[in-house]
Amino acid sequence: MRFQAELVTGPTAEPLTLAEAKKQLEIASSDSTHDVQLQSAIAEARQQWEHDTDSVMCFQTWKVRFRYITDRLALPKRPVHSITSIKYYDGANNLTTWPTNQYQLHINELRYAYQITLPAVADRWDAWEITYKLGYSQDATSVPAIAKRAMLLLVGHYFENRDMLVNESTYNRKVYEDLVLRYARSTYP
């Protein structure tokens, strides 16, 4: 079962700092000429990485809706940090919160607690609503090095090719794509 997740609250920080981007591009830390462009490139690189890897770097809140849920339900995107709430429309079509003792989070999967009985739910496409927090940390402290490296390559690519519509730097894109594939492997920590 694969469903589209909806962003509720975006990140309050980026996984890369302006200083890291400047170092990557060999721009003096005191040179603020390109700060606005670099901040934009950092956000664009994060968005591209998150899209390509179906992952989230810094904490964000997402919501997904299901007609029904199953034990071992894989939640879209990763890493899942915590489940904020699970709600369902009961038989009378009232939105009700499912008690937290009825389920648990195991890595990126929703699992039923031992010997539970699922509540009766309304027959709707959105009968279940799961709100959850994704990401490694509030800031960049726990973001994997491979992700940071890939995003730095993208920042460099975006900055160096900011005025070009064609003639992309294929080497940086190739290295970036290799890092995406390595990260996306199910065996990557």
Protein backbone atom coordinates (compact mmCIF):
# COMPACT_ATOMS: atom_id res chain seq x y z
CA MET A 1 0.00 0.00 0.00
CA ARG A 2 1.68 3.23 -1.17
CA PHE A 3 0.08 6.60 -0.52
CA GLN A 4 1.06 10.21 -1.01
CA ALA A 5 2.19 11.95 2.15
CA GLU A 6 1.24 15.58 2.75
CA LEU A 7 3.61 18.10 4.34
CA VAL A 8 2.07 19.71 7.43
CA THR A 9 5.07 21.60 8.88
CA GLY A 10 8.32 22.13 7.01
CA PRO A 11 11.82 22.23 8.49
CA THR A 12 12.93 25.14 10.66
CA ALA A 13 16.57 24.60 9.70
CA GLU A 14 18.55 23.42 6.70
CA PRO A 15 20.96 20.45 6.82
CA LEU A 16 23.79 22.62 5.48
CA THR A 17 25.08 25.90 6.83
CA LEU A 18 26.09 28.91 4.81
CA ALA A 19 29.65 28.39 6.08
CA GLU A 20 29.69 24.81 4.73
CA ALA A 21 28.45 25.99 1.33
CA LYS A 22 31.07 28.75 1.19
CA LYS A 23 33.81 26.29 2.12
CA GLN A 24 32.65 23.91 -0.63
CA LEU A 25 32.80 26.74 -3.17
CA GLU A 26 36.01 28.23 -1.77
CA ILE A 27 34.32 31.55 -1.02
CA ALA A 28 35.77 33.55 1.87
CA SER A 29 33.57 33.41 4.95
CA SER A 30 33.63 37.22 5.14
CA ASP A 31 32.32 37.57 1.55
CA SER A 32 28.55 38.06 1.75
CA THR A 33 28.08 38.87 -1.94
CA HIS A 34 26.39 35.55 -2.74
CA ASP A 35 24.74 34.73 0.61
CA VAL A 36 21.16 35.00 -0.71
CA GLN A 37 21.96 32.81 -3.73
CA LEU A 38 23.72 30.26 -1.52
CA GLN A 39 20.83 30.10 0.98
CA SER A 40 18.50 29.46 -1.94
CA ALA A 41 20.84 26.81 -3.38
CA ILE A 42 21.00 25.07 0.02
CA ALA A 43 17.19 24.87 0.23
CA GLU A 44 16.96 23.67 -3.39
CA ALA A 45 19.63 21.02 -2.81
CA ARG A 46 17.80 19.74 0.29
CA GLN A 47 14.50 19.62 -1.59
CA GLN A 48 16.12 17.75 -4.49
CA TRP A 49 17.84 15.25 -2.17
CA GLU A 50 14.64 14.64 -0.22
CA HIS A 51 12.69 14.13 -3.44
CA ASP A 52 15.27 11.79 -4.97
CA THR A 53 15.70 9.65 -1.84
CA ASP A 54 12.15 9.87 -0.43
CA SER A 55 13.70 10.96 2.85
CA VAL A 56 13.70 13.96 5.18
CA MET A 57 16.78 15.54 6.74
CA CYS A 58 15.66 17.99 9.47
CA PHE A 59 12.44 17.49 11.44
CA GLN A 60 9.22 17.94 9.49
CA THR A 61 5.64 16.90 10.21
CA TRP A 62 3.75 14.91 7.58
CA LYS A 63 0.28 13.42 7.30
CA VAL A 64 -0.96 10.45 5.31
CA ARG A 65 -4.47 9.07 4.91
CA PHE A 66 -5.57 5.48 4.29
CA ARG A 67 -8.82 3.66 3.65
CA TYR A 68 -7.63 0.96 6.05
CA ILE A 69 -4.47 0.14 7.97
CA THR A 70 -2.61 -3.11 8.34
CA ASP A 71 -0.07 -4.45 10.79
CA ARG A 72 3.45 -3.56 9.65
CA LEU A 73 2.26 -0.59 7.63
CA ALA A 74 5.28 1.11 6.05
CA LEU A 75 4.90 4.86 6.35
CA PRO A 76 5.91 6.99 3.35
CA LYS A 77 9.31 8.69 3.58
CA ARG A 78 12.08 8.09 6.09
CA PRO A 79 13.38 8.22 8.74
CA VAL A 80 10.26 8.25 10.89
CA HIS A 81 11.14 9.87 14.21
CA SER A 82 7.78 9.51 15.96
CA ILE A 83 4.05 9.21 15.45
CA THR A 84 2.23 12.36 16.54
CA SER A 85 -1.28 10.94 16.28
CA ILE A 86 -3.43 8.36 14.57
CA LYS A 87 -7.05 9.29 14.01
CA TYR A 88 -9.91 7.46 12.37
CA TYR A 89 -13.49 8.12 11.39
CA ASP A 90 -15.64 5.89 13.56
CA GLY A 91 -18.87 4.23 12.48
CA ALA A 92 -20.76 7.49 13.15
CA ASN A 93 -18.29 9.37 10.93
CA ASN A 94 -16.69 11.23 13.88
CA LEU A 95 -12.93 11.82 13.80
CA THR A 96 -11.54 9.96 16.81
CA THR A 97 -7.98 9.62 18.14
CA TRP A 98 -6.71 6.05 18.39
CA PRO A 99 -5.06 5.48 21.81
CA THR A 100 -1.26 5.26 21.71
CA ASN A 101 -1.29 1.93 23.59
CA GLN A 102 -2.89 0.33 20.51
CA TYR A 103 0.15 0.71 18.25
CA GLN A 104 3.89 1.19 18.19
CA LEU A 105 6.51 2.46 15.80
CA HIS A 106 9.22 0.07 14.67
CA ILE A 107 11.77 1.88 12.49
CA ASN A 108 9.49 3.18 9.69
CA GLU A 109 6.58 0.79 10.26
CA LEU A 110 3.37 1.18 12.19
CA ARG A 111 2.72 -2.03 14.12
CA TYR A 112 -0.25 -3.08 16.18
CA ALA A 113 0.20 -3.59 19.89
CA TYR A 114 -0.19 -7.15 21.15
CA GLN A 115 -3.74 -8.56 20.93
CA ILE A 116 -5.59 -5.43 19.91
CA THR A 117 -8.95 -5.18 18.24
CA LEU A 118 -9.24 -2.59 15.50
CA PRO A 119 -12.10 -0.13 15.94
CA ALA A 120 -15.01 -0.02 13.53
CA VAL A 121 -14.35 2.69 10.96
CA ALA A 122 -16.45 4.51 8.39
CA ASP A 123 -16.20 3.37 4.78
CA ARG A 124 -14.16 6.29 3.44
CA TRP A 125 -11.00 6.64 1.38
CA ASP A 126 -9.53 8.66 4.26
CA ALA A 127 -10.83 6.59 7.17
CA TRP A 128 -7.40 6.63 8.88
CA GLU A 129 -5.20 9.71 9.28
CA ILE A 130 -1.64 9.33 10.55
CA THR A 131 0.39 12.41 11.49
CA TYR A 132 4.07 11.78 12.11
CA LYS A 133 7.43 13.47 12.53
CA LEU A 134 10.20 12.70 10.06
CA GLY A 135 13.89 13.55 10.03
CA TYR A 136 17.17 12.95 11.80
CA SER A 137 17.17 15.97 14.12
CA GLN A 138 15.90 19.52 14.54
CA ASP A 139 19.11 20.83 12.99
CA ALA A 140 21.90 19.28 10.94
CA THR A 141 23.64 17.49 13.82
CA SER A 142 22.48 13.97 12.91
CA VAL A 143 22.16 14.25 9.13
CA PRO A 144 24.20 11.44 7.48
CA ALA A 145 27.52 12.53 6.01
CA ILE A 146 26.62 10.98 2.64
CA ALA A 147 23.53 13.20 2.44
CA LYS A 148 25.48 16.33 3.37
CA ARG A 149 28.16 15.51 0.79
CA ALA A 150 25.58 15.01 -1.96
CA MET A 151 23.79 18.24 -1.09
CA LEU A 152 27.10 20.15 -1.09
CA LEU A 153 27.75 18.82 -4.60
CA LEU A 154 24.33 20.07 -5.67
CA VAL A 155 24.89 23.47 -4.06
CA GLY A 156 28.15 23.72 -6.01
CA HIS A 157 26.42 22.63 -9.20
CA TYR A 158 23.56 25.10 -8.77
CA PHE A 159 25.90 27.97 -7.90
CA GLU A 160 28.42 27.35 -10.66
CA ASN A 161 25.70 26.90 -13.30
CA ARG A 162 23.30 29.58 -12.06
CA ASP A 163 23.35 31.49 -15.35
CA MET A 164 23.30 28.50 -17.70
CA LEU A 165 20.30 26.75 -19.16
CA VAL A 166 22.36 24.00 -20.78
CA ASN A 167 25.91 22.61 -20.53
CA GLU A 168 25.48 21.16 -17.04
CA SER A 169 28.45 19.99 -15.07
CA THR A 170 27.92 16.27 -15.68
CA TYR A 171 30.64 15.10 -13.32
CA ASN A 172 29.04 16.66 -10.22
CA ARG A 173 25.62 15.36 -11.27
CA LYS A 174 27.03 11.85 -11.77
CA VAL A 175 28.69 11.85 -8.35
CA TYR A 176 25.46 13.17 -6.82
CA GLU A 177 23.40 10.44 -8.51
CA ASP A 178 25.84 7.78 -7.27
CA LEU A 179 25.42 9.06 -3.70
CA VAL A 180 21.62 9.00 -4.07
CA LEU A 181 21.75 5.37 -5.21
CA ARG A 182 24.03 4.41 -2.31
CA TYR A 183 21.77 6.12 0.21
CA ALA A 184 18.57 4.70 -1.28
CA ARG A 185 19.79 1.10 -0.94
CA SER A 186 17.77 -0.67 1.70
CA THR A 187 20.97 -1.87 3.37
CA TYR A 188 22.39 1.62 3.99
CA PRO A 189 22.43 2.39 7.73
